[in-house]
Protein backbone atom coordinates (compact mmCIF):
# COMPACT_ATOMS: atom_id res chain seq x y z
CA UNK A 1 -20.81 -15.27 -2.96
CA UNK A 2 -18.14 -17.93 -3.48
CA UNK A 3 -15.02 -18.94 -1.59
CA UNK A 4 -11.97 -21.02 -2.45
CA UNK A 5 -11.49 -23.73 0.16
CA UNK A 6 -8.51 -26.06 0.69
CA UNK A 7 -8.83 -29.22 -1.38
CA UNK A 8 -11.42 -27.79 -3.77
CA UNK A 9 -10.66 -27.38 -7.47
CA UNK A 10 -12.98 -24.40 -7.93
CA UNK A 11 -14.80 -21.86 -5.74
CA UNK A 12 -17.79 -23.20 -3.83
CA UNK A 13 -21.00 -21.28 -2.99
CA UNK A 14 -20.66 -19.84 0.52
CA UNK A 15 -23.87 -17.85 0.80
CA UNK A 16 -26.08 -15.12 -0.55
CA UNK A 17 -25.26 -11.43 -0.23
CA UNK A 18 -28.01 -8.93 -1.07
CA UNK A 19 -27.82 -5.15 -1.09
CA UNK A 20 -30.51 -2.50 -1.15
CA UNK A 21 -28.32 0.35 -2.35
CA UNK A 22 -31.08 2.93 -1.94
CA UNK A 23 -31.59 2.09 1.73
CA UNK A 24 -27.96 1.20 2.36
CA UNK A 25 -28.89 -2.17 3.86
CA UNK A 26 -27.00 -5.38 3.16
CA UNK A 27 -27.81 -8.96 4.17
CA UNK A 28 -25.78 -12.14 4.16
CA UNK A 29 -26.74 -15.73 4.89
CA UNK A 30 -24.64 -18.86 4.58
CA UNK A 31 -25.99 -21.59 2.31
CA UNK A 32 -27.25 -24.73 4.05
CA UNK A 33 -25.09 -26.98 1.89
CA UNK A 34 -22.04 -24.84 2.59
CA UNK A 35 -22.62 -24.96 6.35
CA UNK A 36 -22.75 -28.77 6.16
CA UNK A 37 -19.35 -29.02 4.46
CA UNK A 38 -16.68 -30.50 6.73
CA UNK A 39 -14.17 -27.95 5.43
CA UNK A 40 -16.50 -24.91 5.62
CA UNK A 41 -15.13 -21.84 7.37
CA UNK A 42 -16.75 -18.58 8.42
CA UNK A 43 -15.79 -15.77 6.05
CA UNK A 44 -15.64 -13.53 9.16
CA UNK A 45 -15.38 -15.73 12.28
CA UNK A 46 -16.25 -12.92 14.71
CA UNK A 47 -18.98 -10.86 13.03
CA UNK A 48 -20.36 -13.48 10.60
CA UNK A 49 -20.00 -16.82 12.41
CA UNK A 50 -21.03 -19.96 10.57
CA UNK A 51 -24.72 -20.22 11.56
CA UNK A 52 -28.09 -20.27 9.79
CA UNK A 53 -28.79 -16.68 10.83
CA UNK A 54 -29.42 -13.95 8.27
CA UNK A 55 -27.01 -11.13 9.06
CA UNK A 56 -27.98 -7.51 8.40
CA UNK A 57 -25.78 -4.41 8.27
CA UNK A 58 -26.33 -0.72 7.65
CA UNK A 59 -22.67 0.12 8.01
CA UNK A 60 -20.62 1.16 4.98
CA UNK A 61 -23.74 1.55 2.87
CA UNK A 62 -24.75 -2.06 3.50
CA UNK A 63 -21.34 -3.55 2.61
CA UNK A 64 -20.07 -5.92 5.31
CA UNK A 65 -16.50 -5.25 6.40
CA UNK A 66 -15.23 -8.55 4.98
CA UNK A 67 -16.68 -7.53 1.58
CA UNK A 68 -15.26 -4.03 1.91
CA UNK A 69 -11.85 -5.71 2.23
CA UNK A 70 -11.91 -6.81 -1.41
CA UNK A 71 -12.85 -3.37 -2.73
CA UNK A 72 -10.11 -1.07 -4.03
CA UNK A 73 -8.66 1.97 -2.29
CA UNK A 74 -7.72 5.23 -3.97
CA UNK A 75 -5.32 3.86 -6.62
CA UNK A 76 -7.71 1.13 -7.72
CA UNK A 77 -10.68 3.49 -7.77
CA UNK A 78 -8.68 5.96 -9.84
CA UNK A 79 -7.95 3.36 -12.54
CA UNK A 80 -11.47 1.91 -12.47
CA UNK A 81 -12.87 5.43 -12.89
CA UNK A 82 -10.84 5.69 -16.09
CA UNK A 83 -12.21 2.36 -17.26
CA UNK A 84 -15.79 3.37 -16.41
CA UNK A 85 -15.37 6.80 -17.97
CA UNK A 86 -16.56 8.60 -14.84
CA UNK A 87 -14.94 11.23 -12.59
CA UNK A 88 -12.70 9.85 -9.85
CA UNK A 89 -14.52 9.57 -6.54
CA UNK A 90 -18.00 9.21 -7.98
CA UNK A 91 -18.13 5.39 -8.01
CA UNK A 92 -20.29 3.64 -5.44
CA UNK A 93 -19.08 0.55 -3.61
CA UNK A 94 -21.90 -1.60 -4.99
CA UNK A 95 -20.84 -0.63 -8.53
CA UNK A 96 -17.27 -1.73 -7.85
CA UNK A 97 -18.31 -5.20 -6.66
CA UNK A 98 -19.38 -6.03 -10.21
CA UNK A 99 -15.94 -5.01 -11.50
CA UNK A 100 -13.93 -7.12 -9.08
CA UNK A 101 -11.67 -9.85 -10.36
CA UNK A 102 -10.29 -12.89 -8.58
CA UNK A 103 -7.01 -10.99 -8.28
CA UNK A 104 -8.64 -9.32 -5.27
CA UNK A 105 -7.23 -9.93 -1.82
CA UNK A 106 -8.35 -13.11 -0.07
CA UNK A 107 -10.45 -16.01 -1.35
CA UNK A 108 -13.89 -14.49 -2.01
CA UNK A 109 -15.49 -13.98 -5.42
CA UNK A 110 -18.91 -12.92 -6.63
CA UNK A 111 -21.28 -14.07 -9.34
CA UNK A 112 -24.33 -16.20 -10.07
CA UNK A 113 -22.31 -19.37 -10.74
CA UNK A 114 -18.81 -20.57 -9.79
CA UNK A 115 -17.74 -20.17 -13.41
CA UNK A 116 -18.98 -16.58 -13.61
CA UNK A 117 -17.43 -15.77 -10.25
CA UNK A 118 -13.97 -16.47 -11.71
CA UNK A 119 -14.60 -15.02 -15.16
CA UNK A 120 -13.08 -11.66 -14.24
CA UNK A 121 -9.53 -12.94 -14.01
CA UNK A 122 -7.07 -10.23 -14.99
CA UNK A 123 -3.77 -11.60 -16.23
CA UNK A 124 -0.82 -10.55 -14.05
CA UNK A 125 2.14 -8.97 -15.81
CA UNK A 126 5.64 -10.41 -16.02
CA UNK A 127 8.90 -8.85 -14.86
CA UNK A 128 9.74 -8.03 -18.47
CA UNK A 129 6.54 -5.96 -18.75
CA UNK A 130 7.17 -3.77 -15.70
CA UNK A 131 8.90 -1.05 -17.73
CA UNK A 132 5.82 -0.75 -19.93
CA UNK A 133 3.57 -0.67 -16.86
CA UNK A 134 5.71 2.08 -15.31
CA UNK A 135 5.32 4.17 -18.46
CA UNK A 136 1.54 3.68 -18.46
CA UNK A 137 1.36 4.61 -14.77
CA UNK A 138 3.15 7.88 -15.53
CA UNK A 139 0.53 8.62 -18.19
CA UNK A 140 -2.28 7.71 -15.79
CA UNK A 141 -0.88 9.96 -13.06
CA UNK A 142 -0.80 12.83 -15.56
CA UNK A 143 -4.52 12.16 -16.05
CA UNK A 144 -4.05 11.26 -19.69
CA UNK A 145 -6.73 9.20 -21.40
CA UNK A 146 -5.61 5.59 -21.72
CA UNK A 147 -6.79 3.22 -24.45
CA UNK A 148 -8.52 -0.02 -23.34
CA UNK A 149 -5.68 -2.17 -24.67
CA UNK A 150 -3.28 -0.79 -22.05
CA UNK A 151 -5.73 -0.36 -19.17
CA UNK A 152 -5.75 -4.14 -18.71
CA UNK A 153 -2.12 -3.93 -17.53
CA UNK A 154 -3.24 -1.74 -14.63
CA UNK A 155 -6.61 -3.36 -13.90
CA UNK A 156 -5.20 -6.37 -12.08
CA UNK A 157 -3.76 -4.04 -9.44
CA UNK A 158 -7.03 -2.24 -8.80
CA UNK A 159 -8.37 -4.70 -6.23
CA UNK A 160 -5.31 -4.23 -4.02
CA UNK A 161 -5.45 -1.65 -1.25
CA UNK A 162 -3.43 1.51 -0.80
CA UNK A 163 -2.79 4.78 -2.60
CA UNK A 164 0.50 3.99 -4.34
CA UNK A 165 0.51 2.77 -7.98
CA UNK A 166 0.82 -1.00 -8.12
CA UNK A 167 0.16 -4.14 -10.12
CA UNK A 168 0.37 -7.90 -9.71
CA UNK A 169 3.42 -9.53 -11.28
CA UNK A 170 4.25 -13.22 -11.69
CA UNK A 171 7.74 -14.35 -10.69
CA UNK A 172 8.56 -18.07 -10.94
CA UNK A 173 4.82 -18.90 -11.03
CA UNK A 174 4.21 -16.98 -7.79
CA UNK A 175 2.22 -13.75 -7.51
CA UNK A 176 3.97 -10.66 -6.21
CA UNK A 177 2.83 -7.04 -5.86
CA UNK A 178 4.92 -4.43 -7.64
CA UNK A 179 4.73 -0.95 -6.10
CA UNK A 180 5.90 2.00 -8.17
CA UNK A 181 7.03 5.52 -7.37
CA UNK A 182 4.35 8.18 -7.67
CA UNK A 183 4.86 11.59 -9.22
CA UNK A 184 2.38 12.89 -6.62
CA UNK A 185 4.72 12.32 -3.67
CA UNK A 186 7.85 14.25 -2.70
CA UNK A 187 9.69 11.05 -1.75
CA UNK A 188 10.53 8.05 -3.93
CA UNK A 189 8.83 5.50 -1.70
CA UNK A 190 9.79 2.09 -3.19
CA UNK A 191 13.33 2.25 -1.81
CA UNK A 192 12.16 3.66 1.52
CA UNK A 193 9.53 0.92 1.88
CA UNK A 194 12.12 -1.75 1.06
CA UNK A 195 14.44 -0.39 3.75
CA UNK A 196 11.62 -0.15 6.30
CA UNK A 197 10.53 -3.72 5.63
CA UNK A 198 14.14 -4.84 6.09
CA UNK A 199 14.19 -3.06 9.46
CA UNK A 200 10.92 -4.78 10.40
CA UNK A 201 12.52 -8.14 9.66
CA UNK A 202 15.52 -7.16 11.81
CA UNK A 203 13.08 -6.31 14.60
CA UNK A 204 11.67 -9.83 14.56
CA UNK A 205 8.44 -8.95 12.77
CA UNK A 206 6.96 -11.54 10.41
CA UNK A 207 7.23 -10.19 6.88
CA UNK A 208 6.62 -11.67 3.42
CA UNK A 209 9.42 -12.15 0.91
CA UNK A 210 10.37 -8.80 -0.60
CA UNK A 211 12.93 -7.35 -2.98
CA UNK A 212 13.67 -4.24 -4.98
CA UNK A 213 14.26 -4.01 -8.73
CA UNK A 214 15.44 -1.23 -10.99
CA UNK A 215 12.96 -0.74 -13.84
CA UNK A 216 13.76 1.82 -16.52
CA UNK A 217 16.20 3.40 -14.08
CA UNK A 218 13.68 3.69 -11.24
CA UNK A 219 13.15 1.54 -8.13
CA UNK A 220 10.16 -0.81 -7.91
CA UNK A 221 9.36 -2.48 -4.58
CA UNK A 222 8.24 -6.11 -4.91
CA UNK A 223 6.48 -8.01 -2.15
CA UNK A 224 5.25 -11.59 -2.41
CA UNK A 225 1.51 -12.05 -1.96
CA UNK A 226 0.95 -13.86 1.33
CA UNK A 227 -2.73 -14.45 0.49
CA UNK A 228 -1.68 -16.87 -2.24
CA UNK A 229 -0.27 -20.39 -2.07
CA UNK A 230 0.78 -20.99 -5.65
CA UNK A 231 -2.44 -20.58 -7.61
CA UNK A 232 -4.62 -21.11 -4.52
CA UNK A 233 -6.28 -18.10 -2.90
CA UNK A 234 -6.18 -17.96 0.91
CA UNK A 235 -8.95 -16.45 3.07
CA UNK A 236 -8.03 -13.02 4.44
CA UNK A 237 -9.73 -10.61 6.84
CA UNK A 238 -8.55 -7.10 7.70
CA UNK A 239 -8.64 -5.59 11.17
CA UNK A 240 -11.20 -3.18 9.70
CA UNK A 241 -13.59 -6.07 9.06
CA UNK A 242 -12.78 -7.56 12.46
CA UNK A 243 -13.52 -4.27 14.25
CA UNK A 244 -16.98 -4.02 12.62
CA UNK A 245 -16.78 -0.25 12.18
CA UNK A 246 -18.14 2.12 9.59
CA UNK A 247 -15.55 3.72 7.32
CA UNK A 248 -16.37 7.03 9.06
CA UNK A 249 -15.47 5.54 12.45
CA UNK A 250 -11.83 4.72 11.74
CA UNK A 251 -10.63 6.98 14.55
CA UNK A 252 -12.15 4.43 16.94
CA UNK A 253 -9.76 1.75 15.69
CA UNK A 254 -7.50 0.48 18.44
CA UNK A 255 -4.60 -1.93 18.90
CA UNK A 256 -5.91 -3.09 22.32
CA UNK A 257 -9.35 -3.70 20.79
CA UNK A 258 -7.81 -5.78 17.99
CA UNK A 259 -5.92 -7.77 20.64
CA UNK A 260 -9.12 -8.42 22.59
CA UNK A 261 -11.03 -9.56 19.49
CA UNK A 262 -8.15 -11.82 18.45
CA UNK A 263 -8.83 -13.99 21.52
CA UNK A 264 -12.05 -15.16 19.87
CA UNK A 265 -10.56 -16.77 16.79
CA UNK A 266 -6.77 -16.89 16.33
CA UNK A 267 -5.14 -20.22 17.15
CA UNK A 268 -1.94 -18.87 18.77
CA UNK A 269 -3.23 -16.00 20.88
CA UNK A 270 -0.13 -15.21 22.92
CA UNK A 271 2.23 -15.45 19.96
CA UNK A 272 0.09 -13.16 17.82
CA UNK A 273 -0.51 -10.76 20.72
CA UNK A 274 3.24 -10.33 21.14
CA UNK A 275 3.62 -9.90 17.37
CA UNK A 276 0.93 -7.19 17.27
CA UNK A 277 2.58 -5.32 20.15
CA UNK A 278 5.93 -5.53 18.35
CA UNK A 279 4.37 -4.00 15.23
CA UNK A 280 2.74 -1.23 17.26
CA UNK A 281 6.11 -0.37 18.80
CA UNK A 282 7.82 -0.53 15.41
CA UNK A 283 5.28 1.86 13.88
CA UNK A 284 6.19 4.38 16.56
CA UNK A 285 9.92 3.97 15.99
CA UNK A 286 9.61 4.50 12.22
CA UNK A 287 6.83 7.11 12.44
CA UNK A 288 4.34 5.11 10.41
CA UNK A 289 1.23 7.24 10.92
CA UNK A 290 -0.70 5.27 8.29
CA UNK A 291 -1.16 2.15 10.44
CA UNK A 292 -4.94 2.15 9.95
CA UNK A 293 -7.23 -0.87 10.32
CA UNK A 294 -6.95 -2.00 6.69
CA UNK A 295 -3.16 -2.19 7.10
CA UNK A 296 -3.45 -5.07 9.57
CA UNK A 297 -4.94 -8.42 8.68
CA UNK A 298 -5.49 -12.09 9.38
CA UNK A 299 -4.90 -15.13 7.21
CA UNK A 300 -6.53 -18.56 7.27
CA UNK A 301 -4.09 -21.44 6.74
CA UNK A 302 -5.85 -24.30 8.50
CA UNK A 303 -6.52 -21.86 11.34
CA UNK A 304 -6.66 -18.07 11.66
CA UNK A 305 -3.47 -16.17 12.41
CA UNK A 306 -2.08 -12.65 12.16
CA UNK A 307 -0.93 -12.15 8.59
CA UNK A 308 2.60 -11.07 7.72
CA UNK A 309 3.13 -7.31 8.07
CA UNK A 310 2.56 -5.04 5.09
CA UNK A 311 2.32 -1.36 4.08
CA UNK A 312 4.78 -0.08 6.70
CA UNK A 313 6.12 3.27 5.50
CA UNK A 314 7.54 6.25 7.45
CA UNK A 315 5.59 9.48 7.17
CA UNK A 316 7.78 12.62 7.16
CA UNK A 317 6.20 15.63 8.83
CA UNK A 318 6.79 19.37 8.94
CA UNK A 319 6.38 19.29 12.69
CA UNK A 320 9.43 19.47 14.92
CA UNK A 321 11.02 16.05 15.48
CA UNK A 322 10.59 16.33 19.24
CA UNK A 323 6.84 16.98 18.97
CA UNK A 324 4.55 14.09 19.90
CA UNK A 325 2.93 12.56 16.85
CA UNK A 326 -0.01 10.20 16.61
CA UNK A 327 -0.58 6.82 15.03
CA UNK A 328 -3.80 6.12 13.14
CA UNK A 329 -4.89 3.57 15.73
CA UNK A 330 -5.45 4.07 19.44
CA UNK A 331 -2.52 2.72 21.45
CA UNK A 332 -3.38 2.98 25.14
CA UNK A 333 -4.42 5.33 27.93
CA UNK A 334 -3.24 8.40 25.98
CA UNK A 335 -5.21 7.54 22.86
CA UNK A 336 -3.12 7.39 19.70
CA UNK A 337 -0.19 9.45 21.04
CA UNK A 338 3.21 7.98 20.16
CA UNK A 339 4.79 8.04 23.61
CA UNK A 340 6.61 5.40 25.62
CA UNK A 341 4.14 5.74 28.48
CA UNK A 342 1.23 5.16 26.13
CA UNK A 343 2.95 2.21 24.47
CA UNK A 344 3.33 0.48 27.84
CA UNK A 345 0.02 1.56 29.36
CA UNK A 346 -2.05 -1.44 28.26
CA UNK A 347 0.64 -4.04 27.55
CA UNK A 348 -1.27 -6.63 29.59
CA UNK A 349 -3.96 -6.70 26.89
CA UNK A 350 -1.24 -8.10 24.60
CA UNK A 351 -0.44 -10.96 27.03
CA UNK A 352 2.66 -9.12 28.23
CA UNK A 353 3.91 -7.90 31.57
CA UNK A 354 5.86 -4.63 31.68
CA UNK A 355 9.28 -6.31 31.59
CA UNK A 356 8.36 -8.44 28.57
CA UNK A 357 7.03 -5.36 26.79
CA UNK A 358 10.25 -3.47 27.50
CA UNK A 359 12.30 -6.34 26.07
CA UNK A 360 10.33 -6.20 22.81
CA UNK A 361 10.70 -2.42 22.65
CA UNK A 362 14.46 -2.74 23.18
CA UNK A 363 14.71 -5.22 20.29
CA UNK A 364 12.73 -2.87 18.03
CA UNK A 365 14.86 0.13 18.98
CA UNK A 366 18.09 -1.74 18.30
CA UNK A 367 16.83 -2.87 14.88
CA UNK A 368 15.70 0.59 13.79
CA UNK A 369 19.15 2.02 14.52
CA UNK A 370 20.26 0.28 11.33
CA UNK A 371 18.09 2.59 9.21
CA UNK A 372 20.99 4.33 7.43
CA UNK A 373 22.50 1.01 6.38
CA UNK A 374 19.19 -0.26 4.98
CA UNK A 375 18.42 3.00 3.14
CA UNK A 376 21.88 2.88 1.58
CA UNK A 377 21.37 -0.76 0.59
CA UNK A 378 18.14 0.29 -1.15
CA UNK A 379 20.04 3.11 -2.90
CA UNK A 380 17.71 5.76 -1.52
CA UNK A 381 18.84 9.23 -2.58
CA UNK A 382 20.56 11.58 -0.13
CA UNK A 383 17.61 13.99 -0.25
CA UNK A 384 15.14 11.21 0.58
CA UNK A 385 17.38 9.90 3.36
CA UNK A 386 17.42 13.35 4.95
CA UNK A 387 13.65 13.68 4.50
CA UNK A 388 12.97 10.52 6.51
CA UNK A 389 15.84 10.84 9.01
CA UNK A 390 13.63 12.03 11.84
CA UNK A 391 11.10 9.31 11.16
CA UNK A 392 13.74 6.83 12.30
CA UNK A 393 15.46 8.95 14.96
CA UNK A 394 12.80 11.27 16.36
CA UNK A 395 10.86 8.87 18.60
CA UNK A 396 14.01 7.31 20.07
CA UNK A 397 15.58 10.70 20.80
CA UNK A 398 12.34 12.06 22.21
CA UNK A 399 12.08 9.37 24.90
C-alpha cells in the first residue's frame, strides 16, 4: 500500500496489506522505513496507529475500514460490473481493489511498486465533454451495453461514493465532481442538492466550492474535490472507518460516538464538535435521512480535521409531514429519532451546553427558511419544489 505525503513527488510505501479472501481475514503492518519517516502519518490514527504492530481484521470480509473508504458504492460498482462483464452486485471487494485508480478518494493507492500503484490513472473529463458523458450515462442507466472506448469516460467516477451518476471533471486545473440526474429517481436531484448546499453554507456549515451548470438542457451539480490540493492527493478517512464497524452494523453509527472518537485525533476538538452538531441539526431541518457514516469524513492537512460537508440531500417521504422521521445515525437518548428533545439530549458530548446548542439550532432554522429562494435560484421545477417542500418545512413546523 502506498500513500502520497506532503513534500513527496510520488507515493511512498506505507505498509503491507494482505487478504485471505476465503477466510475473510485481512492484515496490515506499517513498513519500518515508513514509520521512521519524519513526515509519516497513520492512515487511520484511531484504529491503525503508527506502530510496529500487525493489525488483523475480520470485519468487512477482511477489508479495513480505511481501505473500504476507497472502494466504490452502487454507481461505481454498476459501471465496473459493465467493464468486468459480470452481473451487478456479484463483485467482491477484493476484486475491486485491483481495479482502483488514483482518482479514488484520499491519498492511498495499491500495487507492488510506486509506479504500478499510480498506473491506473483515469483521465478526468473536461467541461466540454459533460454533454457526451450525460448521454453515455443515459445509455448506462437503460442497461445498454457500452463499448470500451466510452466506458473510460465513466470509469474515473467509479471510485467515488454514492448512488447518483457522477464523474470527475477538470476545471481550471482543479478536480471537481460532476453529479448528474438519474432516470431512476422521481426528482431531478442536481438542482435540489445545489440549493441544499447553499442552505448549508447559509447555516454556517463548512462546504466546498460548488456550482450548477446546464448541460444539454439538464442541470449538473458540480462540487470541488476537497481531498485534492491541485494535483496533490490529501489523506481522507470516513466516519465509517473511524467507527470501526462492519458494513452490516451501520445502524450502530452515532453522532455522539463520532464526537467522542474525534477527541483522540482532531486538532481543533471544540470547533469540529460544534460543526458536527450543526450538521446533525441541519440534517434534521432538511430531512436528510441518508446521513450515514460514509457521508461524514476527516481530512489531513498538516493535522486531522472534519472535512467539508458533502452529500446532503433531502429525502421526500410518503409519510405525513408531522410524523417523526429518523436519521441514519443515532442522535441521542431517543436513538435516531428526528426530534428537538433528542437533538439536545447529548449536546454536552459536542462540547456544548444547552444554550449554545439552542443558538446553533436557531441559526440553522433561520437559514433553512430560505429554501424557496435557493430552489428558485437553482431553477428547480415546480413539481420538484412541491415534492421537497415538507423536507424543509416539516421538522420546523412539527416542533
